[in-house]
């Protein structure tokens, strides 16, 4: 007991408690960093243009990535398989997509595909994302409506 009957904490006990707090904080920070890194790793799957992807084909190997290009004329569909070509800056990439295309898919539109290069050189697509433009509003202004402002109090 210390002076006046008050218990004093020994410096060694205080140091051990502080050390445990630092270790617990370090473990929590490391776990949080792993979660953030994994989340950002998946979220940053950005696309390469067709010409960039072809130039980096050896480096990309068979890893999964996204590629962007404009669908060229000559789209062929047999059952659910779709065979087409995308192009960007004069570079073409043959694509095979194994499940039916989205509703707005057609020649002449820009798309972003997710998949990988196969050893024979074609891009094996597992997802087609049609890039939308603002042209719809300009061509069909009567179909676009605005939401009325909410009514104010009584």
N, C-alpha and C. Protein backbone atom coordinates (compact mmCIF):
# COMPACT_ATOMS: atom_id res chain seq x y z
N UNK A 1 0.84 -1.18 0.00
CA UNK A 1 0.00 0.00 0.00
C UNK A 1 0.88 1.24 0.00
N UNK A 2 0.36 2.25 -0.67
CA UNK A 2 1.09 3.51 -0.73
C UNK A 2 0.70 4.39 0.43
N UNK A 3 1.01 5.60 0.35
CA UNK A 3 0.70 6.57 1.40
C UNK A 3 -0.80 6.75 1.52
N UNK A 4 -1.30 6.82 2.70
CA UNK A 4 -2.71 7.09 2.94
C UNK A 4 -3.61 5.92 2.60
N UNK A 5 -3.08 4.71 2.50
CA UNK A 5 -3.88 3.54 2.24
C UNK A 5 -4.30 3.36 0.79
N UNK A 6 -3.75 4.12 -0.16
CA UNK A 6 -4.09 4.02 -1.57
C UNK A 6 -3.09 3.08 -2.24
N UNK A 7 -3.61 2.13 -2.99
CA UNK A 7 -2.73 1.17 -3.67
C UNK A 7 -2.04 1.86 -4.83
N UNK A 8 -0.78 1.58 -4.99
CA UNK A 8 -0.03 2.14 -6.12
C UNK A 8 0.24 1.04 -7.13
N UNK A 9 0.21 1.40 -8.39
CA UNK A 9 0.48 0.43 -9.46
C UNK A 9 1.97 0.44 -9.70
N UNK A 10 2.52 -0.73 -9.71
CA UNK A 10 3.95 -0.85 -9.92
C UNK A 10 4.28 -0.52 -11.37
N UNK A 11 5.39 0.13 -11.64
CA UNK A 11 5.77 0.48 -13.01
C UNK A 11 5.84 -0.73 -13.94
N UNK A 12 6.26 -1.87 -13.44
CA UNK A 12 6.38 -3.07 -14.27
C UNK A 12 5.01 -3.54 -14.76
N UNK A 13 4.01 -3.51 -13.92
CA UNK A 13 2.65 -3.90 -14.30
C UNK A 13 2.09 -2.94 -15.33
N UNK A 14 2.35 -1.64 -15.16
CA UNK A 14 1.89 -0.64 -16.11
C UNK A 14 2.55 -0.84 -17.47
N UNK A 15 3.83 -1.18 -17.49
CA UNK A 15 4.56 -1.42 -18.73
C UNK A 15 4.02 -2.64 -19.46
N UNK A 16 3.72 -3.71 -18.74
CA UNK A 16 3.18 -4.93 -19.35
C UNK A 16 1.79 -4.67 -19.94
N UNK A 17 0.97 -3.90 -19.25
CA UNK A 17 -0.36 -3.56 -19.75
C UNK A 17 -0.26 -2.74 -21.04
N UNK A 18 0.65 -1.79 -21.04
CA UNK A 18 0.86 -0.94 -22.23
C UNK A 18 1.35 -1.78 -23.41
N UNK A 19 2.23 -2.72 -23.15
CA UNK A 19 2.76 -3.60 -24.20
C UNK A 19 1.65 -4.44 -24.82
N UNK A 20 0.76 -4.97 -23.98
CA UNK A 20 -0.37 -5.76 -24.50
C UNK A 20 -1.28 -4.90 -25.38
N UNK A 21 -1.50 -3.66 -24.99
CA UNK A 21 -2.33 -2.75 -25.79
C UNK A 21 -1.69 -2.49 -27.15
N UNK A 22 -0.39 -2.29 -27.17
CA UNK A 22 0.32 -2.03 -28.43
C UNK A 22 0.25 -3.25 -29.34
N UNK A 23 0.44 -4.44 -28.78
CA UNK A 23 0.38 -5.68 -29.57
C UNK A 23 -1.03 -5.88 -30.13
N UNK A 24 -2.05 -5.67 -29.30
CA UNK A 24 -3.44 -5.82 -29.76
C UNK A 24 -3.74 -4.83 -30.88
N UNK A 25 -3.28 -3.59 -30.72
CA UNK A 25 -3.50 -2.58 -31.76
C UNK A 25 -2.78 -2.96 -33.05
N UNK A 26 -1.57 -3.47 -32.97
CA UNK A 26 -0.81 -3.87 -34.16
C UNK A 26 -1.51 -5.00 -34.89
N UNK A 27 -2.04 -5.96 -34.15
CA UNK A 27 -2.75 -7.08 -34.78
C UNK A 27 -4.02 -6.58 -35.47
N UNK A 28 -4.75 -5.70 -34.81
CA UNK A 28 -5.96 -5.13 -35.41
C UNK A 28 -5.63 -4.34 -36.66
N UNK A 29 -4.57 -3.53 -36.61
CA UNK A 29 -4.17 -2.73 -37.78
C UNK A 29 -3.76 -3.63 -38.93
N UNK A 30 -3.03 -4.70 -38.65
CA UNK A 30 -2.61 -5.63 -39.71
C UNK A 30 -3.82 -6.31 -40.35
N UNK A 31 -4.78 -6.73 -39.53
CA UNK A 31 -5.99 -7.37 -40.07
C UNK A 31 -6.77 -6.40 -40.94
N UNK A 32 -6.88 -5.16 -40.50
CA UNK A 32 -7.59 -4.14 -41.27
C UNK A 32 -6.88 -3.88 -42.60
N UNK A 33 -5.57 -3.83 -42.59
CA UNK A 33 -4.82 -3.60 -43.82
C UNK A 33 -5.02 -4.76 -44.81
N UNK A 34 -5.05 -5.99 -44.31
CA UNK A 34 -5.28 -7.14 -45.19
C UNK A 34 -6.66 -7.04 -45.83
N UNK A 35 -7.68 -6.70 -45.05
CA UNK A 35 -9.03 -6.56 -45.59
C UNK A 35 -9.10 -5.45 -46.63
N UNK A 36 -8.50 -4.32 -46.35
CA UNK A 36 -8.52 -3.20 -47.30
C UNK A 36 -7.77 -3.58 -48.58
N UNK A 37 -6.61 -4.20 -48.44
CA UNK A 37 -5.82 -4.60 -49.60
C UNK A 37 -6.58 -5.57 -50.49
N UNK A 38 -7.22 -6.56 -49.89
CA UNK A 38 -8.00 -7.52 -50.68
C UNK A 38 -9.19 -6.85 -51.36
N UNK A 39 -9.88 -5.98 -50.64
CA UNK A 39 -11.03 -5.28 -51.20
C UNK A 39 -10.64 -4.38 -52.35
N UNK A 40 -9.57 -3.62 -52.16
CA UNK A 40 -9.12 -2.73 -53.23
C UNK A 40 -8.55 -3.52 -54.40
N UNK A 41 -7.93 -4.64 -54.12
CA UNK A 41 -7.40 -5.47 -55.20
C UNK A 41 -8.50 -5.93 -56.14
N UNK A 42 -9.64 -6.29 -55.59
CA UNK A 42 -10.77 -6.72 -56.42
C UNK A 42 -11.45 -5.53 -57.10
N UNK A 43 -11.50 -4.42 -56.42
CA UNK A 43 -12.20 -3.25 -56.95
C UNK A 43 -11.40 -2.55 -58.05
N UNK A 44 -10.11 -2.75 -58.06
CA UNK A 44 -9.29 -2.03 -59.04
C UNK A 44 -9.02 -2.86 -60.29
N UNK A 45 -9.91 -3.76 -60.60
CA UNK A 45 -9.79 -4.53 -61.83
C UNK A 45 -10.27 -3.64 -62.97
N UNK A 46 -9.43 -2.68 -63.36
CA UNK A 46 -9.80 -1.75 -64.41
C UNK A 46 -9.51 -2.38 -65.76
N UNK A 47 -9.91 -1.71 -66.84
CA UNK A 47 -9.75 -2.32 -68.15
C UNK A 47 -8.55 -1.77 -68.90
N UNK A 48 -8.08 -2.59 -69.82
CA UNK A 48 -7.06 -2.19 -70.78
C UNK A 48 -7.76 -2.09 -72.13
N UNK A 49 -7.33 -1.16 -72.96
CA UNK A 49 -7.89 -1.10 -74.31
C UNK A 49 -7.34 -2.27 -75.09
N UNK A 50 -8.00 -2.62 -76.19
CA UNK A 50 -7.59 -3.78 -76.99
C UNK A 50 -6.13 -3.67 -77.43
N UNK A 51 -5.71 -2.48 -77.86
CA UNK A 51 -4.32 -2.33 -78.29
C UNK A 51 -3.34 -2.47 -77.14
N UNK A 52 -3.70 -1.98 -75.95
CA UNK A 52 -2.83 -2.15 -74.78
C UNK A 52 -2.72 -3.62 -74.39
N UNK A 53 -3.85 -4.31 -74.40
CA UNK A 53 -3.87 -5.73 -74.02
C UNK A 53 -3.02 -6.57 -74.98
N UNK A 54 -3.13 -6.30 -76.27
CA UNK A 54 -2.34 -7.07 -77.24
C UNK A 54 -0.84 -6.78 -77.04
N UNK A 55 -0.50 -5.51 -76.80
CA UNK A 55 0.90 -5.15 -76.57
C UNK A 55 1.45 -5.81 -75.31
N UNK A 56 0.58 -6.06 -74.32
CA UNK A 56 1.00 -6.65 -73.04
C UNK A 56 0.61 -8.13 -72.91
N UNK A 57 0.28 -8.77 -74.02
CA UNK A 57 -0.22 -10.15 -73.97
C UNK A 57 0.73 -11.09 -73.24
N UNK A 58 2.04 -10.99 -73.50
CA UNK A 58 3.00 -11.88 -72.85
C UNK A 58 3.00 -11.65 -71.33
N UNK A 59 2.93 -10.41 -70.91
CA UNK A 59 2.94 -10.08 -69.49
C UNK A 59 1.63 -10.52 -68.82
N UNK A 60 0.51 -10.34 -69.53
CA UNK A 60 -0.79 -10.70 -68.97
C UNK A 60 -0.97 -12.22 -68.86
N UNK A 61 -0.35 -12.95 -69.79
CA UNK A 61 -0.47 -14.40 -69.76
C UNK A 61 -1.93 -14.83 -69.75
N UNK A 62 -2.28 -15.70 -68.81
CA UNK A 62 -3.66 -16.16 -68.72
C UNK A 62 -4.38 -15.57 -67.52
N UNK A 63 -3.83 -14.47 -66.96
CA UNK A 63 -4.50 -13.85 -65.81
C UNK A 63 -5.77 -13.14 -66.25
N UNK A 64 -6.72 -13.05 -65.35
CA UNK A 64 -8.02 -12.43 -65.62
C UNK A 64 -7.89 -10.91 -65.58
N UNK A 65 -8.50 -10.23 -66.55
CA UNK A 65 -8.51 -8.77 -66.60
C UNK A 65 -9.68 -8.33 -67.46
N UNK A 66 -9.84 -7.02 -67.57
CA UNK A 66 -10.91 -6.46 -68.40
C UNK A 66 -10.29 -5.78 -69.61
N UNK A 67 -10.95 -5.93 -70.75
CA UNK A 67 -10.47 -5.36 -72.00
C UNK A 67 -11.61 -4.56 -72.64
N UNK A 68 -11.26 -3.43 -73.25
CA UNK A 68 -12.27 -2.56 -73.86
C UNK A 68 -12.00 -2.42 -75.35
N UNK A 69 -13.07 -2.41 -76.12
CA UNK A 69 -12.97 -2.20 -77.55
C UNK A 69 -14.35 -2.06 -78.16
N UNK A 70 -14.38 -1.76 -79.44
CA UNK A 70 -15.64 -1.62 -80.16
C UNK A 70 -15.93 -2.91 -80.91
N UNK A 71 -17.14 -3.42 -80.79
CA UNK A 71 -17.54 -4.66 -81.46
C UNK A 71 -17.57 -4.41 -82.96
N UNK A 72 -16.87 -5.25 -83.70
CA UNK A 72 -16.78 -5.13 -85.16
C UNK A 72 -17.91 -5.92 -85.82
N UNK A 73 -18.26 -5.58 -87.07
CA UNK A 73 -19.30 -6.34 -87.80
C UNK A 73 -18.89 -7.81 -87.92
N UNK A 74 -19.88 -8.66 -87.99
CA UNK A 74 -19.62 -10.09 -88.16
C UNK A 74 -19.80 -10.90 -86.89
N UNK A 75 -20.63 -10.44 -85.98
CA UNK A 75 -20.91 -11.17 -84.75
C UNK A 75 -21.62 -12.47 -85.10
N UNK A 76 -21.12 -13.59 -84.59
CA UNK A 76 -21.74 -14.90 -84.85
C UNK A 76 -22.15 -15.52 -83.52
N UNK A 77 -23.42 -15.97 -83.46
CA UNK A 77 -23.90 -16.63 -82.26
C UNK A 77 -24.41 -18.01 -82.61
N UNK A 78 -23.89 -19.02 -81.90
CA UNK A 78 -24.34 -20.40 -82.06
C UNK A 78 -24.76 -20.87 -80.67
N UNK A 79 -26.06 -21.04 -80.47
CA UNK A 79 -26.55 -21.37 -79.14
C UNK A 79 -26.25 -20.22 -78.19
N UNK A 80 -25.59 -20.49 -77.10
CA UNK A 80 -25.19 -19.46 -76.14
C UNK A 80 -23.81 -18.88 -76.43
N UNK A 81 -23.03 -19.53 -77.29
CA UNK A 81 -21.69 -19.05 -77.61
C UNK A 81 -21.73 -17.91 -78.62
N UNK A 82 -20.96 -16.86 -78.35
CA UNK A 82 -20.89 -15.70 -79.23
C UNK A 82 -19.43 -15.51 -79.62
N UNK A 83 -19.19 -15.41 -80.92
CA UNK A 83 -17.85 -15.23 -81.47
C UNK A 83 -17.84 -13.88 -82.17
N UNK A 84 -16.93 -13.00 -81.76
CA UNK A 84 -16.89 -11.66 -82.36
C UNK A 84 -15.49 -11.08 -82.22
N UNK A 85 -15.30 -9.91 -82.79
CA UNK A 85 -14.01 -9.22 -82.75
C UNK A 85 -14.24 -7.83 -82.16
N UNK A 86 -13.33 -7.42 -81.26
CA UNK A 86 -13.33 -6.03 -80.80
C UNK A 86 -12.07 -5.37 -81.34
N UNK A 87 -12.12 -4.05 -81.47
CA UNK A 87 -10.97 -3.33 -82.00
C UNK A 87 -10.81 -2.00 -81.28
N UNK A 88 -9.56 -1.55 -81.23
CA UNK A 88 -9.24 -0.23 -80.69
C UNK A 88 -7.91 0.21 -81.30
N UNK A 89 -7.87 1.41 -81.82
CA UNK A 89 -6.66 1.97 -82.45
C UNK A 89 -6.08 1.03 -83.51
N UNK A 90 -6.96 0.42 -84.29
CA UNK A 90 -6.52 -0.43 -85.39
C UNK A 90 -6.08 -1.83 -84.99
N UNK A 91 -6.15 -2.17 -83.72
CA UNK A 91 -5.76 -3.50 -83.25
C UNK A 91 -7.02 -4.29 -82.94
N UNK A 92 -7.10 -5.50 -83.48
CA UNK A 92 -8.27 -6.36 -83.29
C UNK A 92 -7.96 -7.52 -82.36
N UNK A 93 -8.99 -7.93 -81.61
CA UNK A 93 -8.89 -9.07 -80.70
C UNK A 93 -10.08 -9.98 -80.96
N UNK A 94 -9.82 -11.25 -81.25
CA UNK A 94 -10.89 -12.24 -81.41
C UNK A 94 -11.39 -12.62 -80.02
N UNK A 95 -12.73 -12.70 -79.89
CA UNK A 95 -13.35 -12.97 -78.59
C UNK A 95 -14.32 -14.12 -78.73
N UNK A 96 -14.33 -15.00 -77.73
CA UNK A 96 -15.35 -16.04 -77.61
C UNK A 96 -15.98 -15.89 -76.24
N UNK A 97 -17.30 -15.69 -76.26
CA UNK A 97 -18.06 -15.53 -75.02
C UNK A 97 -18.98 -16.73 -74.90
N UNK A 98 -18.94 -17.42 -73.74
CA UNK A 98 -19.64 -18.71 -73.59
C UNK A 98 -21.08 -18.63 -73.10
N UNK A 99 -21.56 -17.50 -72.67
CA UNK A 99 -22.98 -17.43 -72.28
C UNK A 99 -23.58 -16.22 -72.99
N UNK A 100 -24.80 -16.35 -73.44
CA UNK A 100 -25.43 -15.34 -74.28
C UNK A 100 -25.07 -13.89 -73.96
N UNK A 101 -25.08 -13.04 -74.97
CA UNK A 101 -24.71 -11.64 -74.78
C UNK A 101 -25.84 -10.85 -74.11
N UNK A 102 -25.53 -9.69 -73.53
CA UNK A 102 -26.59 -8.86 -72.95
C UNK A 102 -27.51 -8.31 -74.04
N UNK A 103 -28.65 -7.82 -73.64
CA UNK A 103 -29.69 -7.39 -74.58
C UNK A 103 -29.21 -6.29 -75.52
N UNK A 104 -28.43 -5.35 -75.08
CA UNK A 104 -28.01 -4.22 -75.92
C UNK A 104 -26.77 -4.51 -76.76
N UNK A 105 -26.25 -5.72 -76.71
CA UNK A 105 -25.04 -6.09 -77.44
C UNK A 105 -25.30 -6.14 -78.94
N UNK A 106 -24.42 -5.47 -79.72
CA UNK A 106 -24.51 -5.52 -81.18
C UNK A 106 -23.22 -4.94 -81.76
N UNK A 107 -23.04 -5.05 -83.06
CA UNK A 107 -21.87 -4.48 -83.74
C UNK A 107 -21.87 -2.97 -83.60
N UNK A 108 -20.68 -2.40 -83.51
CA UNK A 108 -20.53 -0.96 -83.49
C UNK A 108 -20.60 -0.30 -82.12
N UNK A 109 -20.82 -1.09 -81.06
CA UNK A 109 -20.90 -0.48 -79.73
C UNK A 109 -19.62 -0.76 -78.93
N UNK A 110 -19.26 0.14 -78.05
CA UNK A 110 -18.11 -0.13 -77.18
C UNK A 110 -18.52 -1.07 -76.05
N UNK A 111 -17.64 -2.01 -75.73
CA UNK A 111 -17.90 -2.97 -74.65
C UNK A 111 -16.64 -3.11 -73.79
N UNK A 112 -16.86 -3.53 -72.56
CA UNK A 112 -15.77 -3.94 -71.67
C UNK A 112 -16.04 -5.40 -71.36
N UNK A 113 -15.03 -6.23 -71.58
CA UNK A 113 -15.16 -7.67 -71.37
C UNK A 113 -14.27 -8.08 -70.21
N UNK A 114 -14.72 -9.05 -69.46
CA UNK A 114 -13.89 -9.60 -68.38
C UNK A 114 -13.56 -11.03 -68.75
N UNK A 115 -12.31 -11.40 -68.66
CA UNK A 115 -11.88 -12.75 -69.00
C UNK A 115 -10.37 -12.83 -69.07
N UNK A 116 -9.86 -13.67 -69.98
CA UNK A 116 -8.42 -13.86 -70.10
C UNK A 116 -8.06 -14.32 -71.51
N UNK A 117 -6.78 -14.19 -71.86
CA UNK A 117 -6.30 -14.69 -73.13
C UNK A 117 -6.09 -16.19 -73.03
N UNK A 118 -6.48 -16.90 -74.07
CA UNK A 118 -6.23 -18.33 -74.18
C UNK A 118 -4.91 -18.54 -74.93
N UNK A 119 -4.30 -19.71 -74.80
CA UNK A 119 -3.02 -19.96 -75.49
C UNK A 119 -3.08 -19.75 -77.01
N UNK A 120 -4.25 -20.00 -77.62
CA UNK A 120 -4.35 -19.82 -79.08
C UNK A 120 -4.49 -18.35 -79.48
N UNK A 121 -4.57 -17.43 -78.48
CA UNK A 121 -4.59 -16.00 -78.78
C UNK A 121 -5.94 -15.32 -78.65
N UNK A 122 -7.04 -16.06 -78.62
CA UNK A 122 -8.33 -15.38 -78.49
C UNK A 122 -8.59 -15.02 -77.03
N UNK A 123 -9.50 -14.06 -76.84
CA UNK A 123 -9.87 -13.64 -75.50
C UNK A 123 -11.11 -14.42 -75.09
N UNK A 124 -11.03 -15.17 -73.99
CA UNK A 124 -12.16 -15.93 -73.47
C UNK A 124 -12.93 -15.04 -72.50
N UNK A 125 -14.10 -14.58 -72.93
CA UNK A 125 -14.89 -13.64 -72.13
C UNK A 125 -15.86 -14.38 -71.24
N UNK A 126 -15.94 -13.92 -69.99
CA UNK A 126 -16.92 -14.48 -69.06
C UNK A 126 -17.99 -13.45 -68.69
N UNK A 127 -17.77 -12.19 -69.09
CA UNK A 127 -18.72 -11.12 -68.80
C UNK A 127 -18.61 -10.04 -69.87
N UNK A 128 -19.77 -9.61 -70.40
CA UNK A 128 -19.81 -8.51 -71.37
C UNK A 128 -20.55 -7.35 -70.71
N UNK A 129 -19.90 -6.19 -70.67
CA UNK A 129 -20.53 -4.98 -70.15
C UNK A 129 -20.64 -3.98 -71.28
N UNK A 130 -21.85 -3.62 -71.63
CA UNK A 130 -22.10 -2.66 -72.70
C UNK A 130 -21.88 -1.27 -72.13
N UNK A 131 -21.04 -0.48 -72.80
CA UNK A 131 -20.81 0.89 -72.35
C UNK A 131 -21.92 1.77 -72.90
N UNK A 132 -22.61 2.45 -72.01
CA UNK A 132 -23.71 3.33 -72.40
C UNK A 132 -23.20 4.73 -72.69
N UNK A 133 -23.90 5.43 -73.56
CA UNK A 133 -23.56 6.82 -73.86
C UNK A 133 -24.75 7.70 -73.54
N UNK A 134 -24.58 8.99 -73.68
CA UNK A 134 -25.67 9.94 -73.43
C UNK A 134 -26.56 10.11 -74.66
N UNK A 135 -26.29 9.40 -75.74
CA UNK A 135 -27.04 9.54 -76.98
C UNK A 135 -28.54 9.26 -76.80
N UNK A 136 -28.89 8.37 -75.89
CA UNK A 136 -30.28 8.00 -75.72
C UNK A 136 -31.13 9.22 -75.37
N UNK A 137 -30.65 10.04 -74.44
CA UNK A 137 -31.40 11.22 -74.02
C UNK A 137 -31.54 12.18 -75.20
N UNK A 138 -30.47 12.36 -75.97
CA UNK A 138 -30.52 13.29 -77.10
C UNK A 138 -31.49 12.80 -78.17
N UNK A 139 -31.56 11.49 -78.41
CA UNK A 139 -32.42 10.95 -79.46
C UNK A 139 -33.87 10.79 -79.02
N UNK A 140 -34.10 10.59 -77.73
CA UNK A 140 -35.45 10.32 -77.22
C UNK A 140 -35.74 11.15 -75.97
N UNK A 141 -35.74 12.48 -76.07
CA UNK A 141 -35.97 13.30 -74.87
C UNK A 141 -37.35 13.11 -74.26
N UNK A 142 -38.33 12.70 -75.06
CA UNK A 142 -39.68 12.52 -74.53
C UNK A 142 -39.76 11.31 -73.60
N UNK A 143 -38.82 10.40 -73.69
CA UNK A 143 -38.84 9.20 -72.85
C UNK A 143 -38.16 9.42 -71.50
N UNK A 144 -37.43 10.49 -71.38
CA UNK A 144 -36.72 10.76 -70.13
C UNK A 144 -37.55 11.73 -69.32
N UNK A 145 -37.89 11.32 -68.11
CA UNK A 145 -38.70 12.18 -67.25
C UNK A 145 -37.87 12.55 -66.03
N UNK A 146 -38.24 13.63 -65.43
CA UNK A 146 -37.58 14.04 -64.20
C UNK A 146 -38.50 13.73 -63.04
N UNK A 147 -37.92 13.53 -61.89
CA UNK A 147 -38.68 13.22 -60.69
C UNK A 147 -39.11 14.55 -60.09
N UNK A 148 -40.42 14.72 -59.78
CA UNK A 148 -40.86 15.96 -59.19
C UNK A 148 -40.26 16.17 -57.80
N UNK A 149 -40.09 17.42 -57.44
CA UNK A 149 -39.55 17.75 -56.12
C UNK A 149 -40.54 17.29 -55.06
N UNK A 150 -40.03 16.84 -53.92
CA UNK A 150 -40.94 16.38 -52.86
C UNK A 150 -41.75 17.54 -52.31
N UNK A 151 -42.98 17.25 -51.93
CA UNK A 151 -43.85 18.28 -51.36
C UNK A 151 -43.34 18.70 -50.00
N UNK A 152 -43.45 19.98 -49.73
CA UNK A 152 -43.02 20.47 -48.41
C UNK A 152 -44.17 20.37 -47.44
N UNK A 153 -43.92 20.58 -46.19
CA UNK A 153 -44.88 20.43 -45.08
C UNK A 153 -46.29 20.90 -45.37
N UNK A 154 -47.21 20.71 -44.40
CA UNK A 154 -48.64 21.02 -44.59
C UNK A 154 -48.96 22.46 -44.80
